[in-house]
């Protein structure tokens, strides 16, 4: 099983894609069926998709956000300045003044952190350091088994996984309590079985691990919508 895409709901897919292309230093790809993709330029093995939806982001924080690394204080400051010029803004989610990261929201209110250059935990990652999630220890174990990615951190209810070859970003979970959900998450993962695997067999494996199939009004499509043990949506695509 592989991560195929990280997917954002977006009112303005092109505008949001341009913001994140600057943030990540990736390229904006083609638009297909109201979805605009970002193409990685740094060896990351999945794309980021921005899909048009009519509803705006709700008032609460997303359960998932991205942590972006920087190489120097100048890089961090320049990144913040550039993203604010592109429509980002500073936000307060309870971070302490002594913490070395800067918390921003993108033009549609999705949270992100610009990590300082002294962060040792993400020092071996590229610009996209972490897909950072609220989540219990159990859900970290679920995703480790689901993707076949080993745990690289498991301490004090916090977990992190990374691809077996230790490339690309980490996916991290900070422990409970979880924020209440009001509708589906604004950001979710698309995962896909390897080309020699069967989609429905993989779905049954995920059910055995603690996931469940859900209906969000997706209709007749060739991917399967599921929720992980913390009730976060994800999609299982056809093998590739």
Protein backbone atom coordinates (compact mmCIF):
# COMPACT_ATOMS: atom_id res chain seq x y z
CA UNK A 1 0.00 0.00 0.00
CA UNK A 2 1.31 3.44 -0.91
CA UNK A 3 0.33 7.06 -0.34
CA UNK A 4 -0.96 8.32 -3.70
CA UNK A 5 -2.00 11.84 -2.76
CA UNK A 6 -2.71 14.25 0.04
CA UNK A 7 -6.05 15.90 -0.78
CA UNK A 8 -7.37 19.33 0.19
CA UNK A 9 -10.95 20.51 -0.15
CA UNK A 10 -10.73 23.96 -1.77
CA UNK A 11 -13.08 26.77 -2.73
CA UNK A 12 -10.43 28.09 -5.14
CA UNK A 13 -8.28 25.11 -6.16
CA UNK A 14 -5.94 27.09 -8.42
CA UNK A 15 -5.38 29.85 -5.89
CA UNK A 16 -4.70 27.38 -3.10
CA UNK A 17 -2.45 25.29 -5.32
CA UNK A 18 -0.36 28.36 -6.17
CA UNK A 19 0.02 29.21 -2.48
CA UNK A 20 1.16 25.70 -1.60
CA UNK A 21 3.41 25.45 -4.64
CA UNK A 22 5.31 28.46 -3.27
CA UNK A 23 5.26 27.06 0.26
CA UNK A 24 6.62 23.64 -0.77
CA UNK A 25 8.60 24.75 -3.84
CA UNK A 26 6.69 22.26 -5.98
CA UNK A 27 5.17 22.75 -9.44
CA UNK A 28 1.51 23.32 -10.28
CA UNK A 29 0.27 20.56 -12.57
CA UNK A 30 -2.78 20.17 -14.77
CA UNK A 31 -6.43 20.63 -13.82
CA UNK A 32 -8.57 17.52 -14.30
CA UNK A 33 -12.27 17.49 -13.33
CA UNK A 34 -12.01 20.48 -10.97
CA UNK A 35 -8.91 19.01 -9.29
CA UNK A 36 -5.52 20.72 -9.52
CA UNK A 37 -2.44 18.76 -8.50
CA UNK A 38 0.94 19.82 -7.21
CA UNK A 39 3.87 17.89 -8.64
CA UNK A 40 6.75 17.30 -6.22
CA UNK A 41 10.20 18.54 -7.15
CA UNK A 42 12.07 17.04 -4.20
CA UNK A 43 11.63 13.27 -4.58
CA UNK A 44 8.40 13.06 -2.58
CA UNK A 45 6.48 10.09 -3.97
CA UNK A 46 2.95 11.47 -3.82
CA UNK A 47 1.19 14.54 -5.16
CA UNK A 48 -1.07 17.04 -3.45
CA UNK A 49 -4.54 17.49 -4.93
CA UNK A 50 -6.88 20.45 -4.49
CA UNK A 51 -10.50 19.52 -5.22
CA UNK A 52 -13.26 22.10 -5.61
CA UNK A 53 -16.00 22.09 -2.95
CA UNK A 54 -18.68 24.71 -2.29
CA UNK A 55 -18.52 24.88 1.49
CA UNK A 56 -15.85 26.96 3.30
CA UNK A 57 -13.66 25.64 6.08
CA UNK A 58 -15.40 25.58 9.44
CA UNK A 59 -14.23 27.56 12.49
CA UNK A 60 -12.26 24.80 14.21
CA UNK A 61 -8.70 23.70 13.51
CA UNK A 62 -8.11 20.88 11.05
CA UNK A 63 -7.13 17.54 12.53
CA UNK A 64 -4.26 17.47 10.05
CA UNK A 65 -1.75 20.11 8.99
CA UNK A 66 1.64 20.28 7.30
CA UNK A 67 4.98 21.11 8.93
CA UNK A 68 7.47 22.74 6.55
CA UNK A 69 11.16 22.70 7.38
CA UNK A 70 13.63 25.55 6.90
CA UNK A 71 17.40 25.60 6.54
CA UNK A 72 18.17 28.84 8.40
CA UNK A 73 16.50 31.63 10.33
CA UNK A 74 16.63 33.74 7.19
CA UNK A 75 14.88 30.95 5.27
CA UNK A 76 12.21 30.72 7.95
CA UNK A 77 11.62 34.47 8.03
CA UNK A 78 11.59 34.75 4.23
CA UNK A 79 9.15 31.84 3.96
CA UNK A 80 6.77 33.46 6.43
CA UNK A 81 7.01 36.84 4.69
CA UNK A 82 6.40 35.33 1.25
CA UNK A 83 3.40 33.27 2.36
CA UNK A 84 1.79 36.25 4.05
CA UNK A 85 2.19 38.22 0.83
CA UNK A 86 0.40 35.35 -0.96
CA UNK A 87 -2.61 35.46 1.37
CA UNK A 88 -1.46 33.58 4.45
CA UNK A 89 -1.82 35.01 7.95
CA UNK A 90 -0.49 34.49 11.45
CA UNK A 91 -2.80 32.56 13.78
CA UNK A 92 -2.76 31.59 17.44
CA UNK A 93 -3.57 27.97 18.20
CA UNK A 94 -2.05 28.07 21.68
CA UNK A 95 1.61 27.87 20.70
CA UNK A 96 4.08 29.14 23.29
CA UNK A 97 6.39 32.11 22.60
CA UNK A 98 9.52 30.01 23.17
CA UNK A 99 8.60 27.48 20.48
CA UNK A 100 10.70 27.73 17.32
CA UNK A 101 7.93 27.34 14.76
CA UNK A 102 5.63 29.94 13.22
CA UNK A 103 1.96 29.04 12.83
CA UNK A 104 0.16 30.35 9.78
CA UNK A 105 -3.13 29.77 7.98
CA UNK A 106 -3.31 29.50 4.21
CA UNK A 107 -5.78 31.67 2.25
CA UNK A 108 -8.66 29.30 3.08
CA UNK A 109 -7.78 28.93 6.76
CA UNK A 110 -5.87 25.64 6.75
CA UNK A 111 -3.20 25.64 9.41
CA UNK A 112 0.51 25.07 8.70
CA UNK A 113 3.73 25.39 10.67
CA UNK A 114 7.01 26.83 9.44
CA UNK A 115 9.55 24.90 11.50
CA UNK A 116 12.77 26.51 12.71
CA UNK A 117 16.16 25.29 11.44
CA UNK A 118 17.21 23.76 14.77
CA UNK A 119 14.46 21.12 14.82
CA UNK A 120 16.43 17.88 15.05
CA UNK A 121 13.43 15.55 14.68
CA UNK A 122 12.69 16.70 11.12
CA UNK A 123 16.27 17.44 10.15
CA UNK A 124 16.53 14.52 7.71
CA UNK A 125 13.29 15.42 5.91
CA UNK A 126 12.88 17.69 2.93
CA UNK A 127 10.81 20.85 2.76
CA UNK A 128 7.68 18.84 3.58
CA UNK A 129 8.78 17.62 6.97
CA UNK A 130 5.63 16.10 8.36
CA UNK A 131 1.97 15.43 7.77
CA UNK A 132 1.06 16.23 11.36
CA UNK A 133 -2.15 14.82 12.80
CA UNK A 134 -4.17 14.82 15.93
CA UNK A 135 -4.52 11.18 16.80
CA UNK A 136 -4.24 8.45 19.37
CA UNK A 137 -1.37 6.01 19.71
CA UNK A 138 -3.68 3.33 18.31
CA UNK A 139 -4.20 5.21 15.06
CA UNK A 140 -0.45 5.57 14.62
CA UNK A 141 -0.20 1.80 14.92
CA UNK A 142 -3.07 1.42 12.44
CA UNK A 143 -1.36 3.54 9.80
CA UNK A 144 1.98 1.83 10.36
CA UNK A 145 0.34 -1.51 9.58
CA UNK A 146 -1.85 -0.10 6.79
CA UNK A 147 1.06 1.40 4.82
CA UNK A 148 3.83 -0.93 5.95
CA UNK A 149 5.76 2.06 7.26
CA UNK A 150 7.78 1.47 10.44
CA UNK A 151 7.36 3.49 13.58
CA UNK A 152 10.20 5.98 13.96
CA UNK A 153 8.80 7.45 17.18
CA UNK A 154 6.60 5.88 19.85
CA UNK A 155 6.71 7.71 23.16
CA UNK A 156 4.26 9.40 25.56
CA UNK A 157 1.26 8.62 23.30
CA UNK A 158 3.00 10.32 20.36
CA UNK A 159 3.80 8.25 17.28
CA UNK A 160 5.46 8.84 13.93
CA UNK A 161 5.95 6.69 10.86
CA UNK A 162 8.05 7.07 7.74
CA UNK A 163 8.58 5.17 4.50
CA UNK A 164 10.84 2.12 4.98
CA UNK A 165 13.72 3.73 3.07
CA UNK A 166 13.44 6.77 5.37
CA UNK A 167 12.78 9.22 2.54
CA UNK A 168 10.00 11.75 2.24
CA UNK A 169 7.99 13.26 5.08
CA UNK A 170 6.97 11.66 8.31
CA UNK A 171 3.36 11.20 9.33
CA UNK A 172 2.98 12.03 13.02
CA UNK A 173 0.25 11.81 15.66
CA UNK A 174 0.34 13.90 18.79
CA UNK A 175 -1.95 11.87 21.03
CA UNK A 176 -5.38 12.77 22.40
CA UNK A 177 -7.72 14.32 23.16
CA UNK A 178 -9.12 14.70 19.66
CA UNK A 179 -10.92 17.80 18.49
CA UNK A 180 -14.63 17.19 17.82
CA UNK A 181 -15.55 16.71 14.18
CA UNK A 182 -18.16 18.79 12.39
CA UNK A 183 -18.56 17.03 9.08
CA UNK A 184 -15.77 15.44 7.09
CA UNK A 185 -12.17 16.52 7.38
CA UNK A 186 -10.90 19.22 5.04
CA UNK A 187 -7.72 17.25 4.31
CA UNK A 188 -7.37 13.50 3.80
CA UNK A 189 -5.05 10.86 2.37
CA UNK A 190 -5.60 8.83 -0.80
CA UNK A 191 -3.82 5.49 -0.63
CA UNK A 192 -3.51 2.81 -3.28
CA UNK A 193 -2.61 -0.89 -3.34
CA UNK A 194 0.41 -1.94 -5.35
CA UNK A 195 -0.30 -2.98 -8.92
CA UNK A 196 -0.27 -6.70 -8.08
CA UNK A 197 -2.74 -6.38 -5.19
CA UNK A 198 -6.54 -6.49 -5.14
CA UNK A 199 -8.39 -3.37 -4.03
CA UNK A 200 -11.21 -5.16 -2.20
CA UNK A 201 -8.83 -7.56 -0.48
CA UNK A 202 -6.82 -4.60 0.75
CA UNK A 203 -10.00 -2.91 1.99
CA UNK A 204 -10.85 -6.04 3.98
CA UNK A 205 -7.33 -6.02 5.43
CA UNK A 206 -7.84 -2.42 6.54
CA UNK A 207 -11.19 -3.34 8.11
CA UNK A 208 -9.43 -6.09 10.06
CA UNK A 209 -6.94 -3.45 11.26
CA UNK A 210 -9.75 -1.24 12.62
CA UNK A 211 -10.96 0.90 9.69
CA UNK A 212 -14.52 0.97 8.35
CA UNK A 213 -16.22 1.79 5.08
CA UNK A 214 -18.27 4.99 5.07
CA UNK A 215 -20.65 6.87 2.80
CA UNK A 216 -20.04 10.60 2.31
CA UNK A 217 -22.27 10.82 -0.73
CA UNK A 218 -19.53 9.71 -3.11
CA UNK A 219 -21.90 7.85 -5.42
CA UNK A 220 -20.69 5.39 -8.06
CA UNK A 221 -16.89 5.73 -8.15
CA UNK A 222 -13.95 3.36 -8.46
CA UNK A 223 -12.35 4.28 -5.14
CA UNK A 224 -13.55 3.28 -1.69
CA UNK A 225 -14.07 5.78 1.12
CA UNK A 226 -13.10 4.65 4.61
CA UNK A 227 -12.47 6.04 8.08
CA UNK A 228 -9.54 5.13 10.32
CA UNK A 229 -9.98 4.21 14.01
CA UNK A 230 -10.08 7.92 14.95
CA UNK A 231 -12.88 8.54 12.39
CA UNK A 232 -10.68 10.36 9.88
CA UNK A 233 -11.64 9.81 6.26
CA UNK A 234 -9.30 8.36 3.64
CA UNK A 235 -9.78 6.87 0.18
CA UNK A 236 -8.49 3.56 -1.19
CA UNK A 237 -7.84 3.95 -4.91
CA UNK A 238 -7.51 1.24 -7.51
CA UNK A 239 -4.14 -0.58 -7.67
CA UNK A 240 -1.25 1.28 -9.27
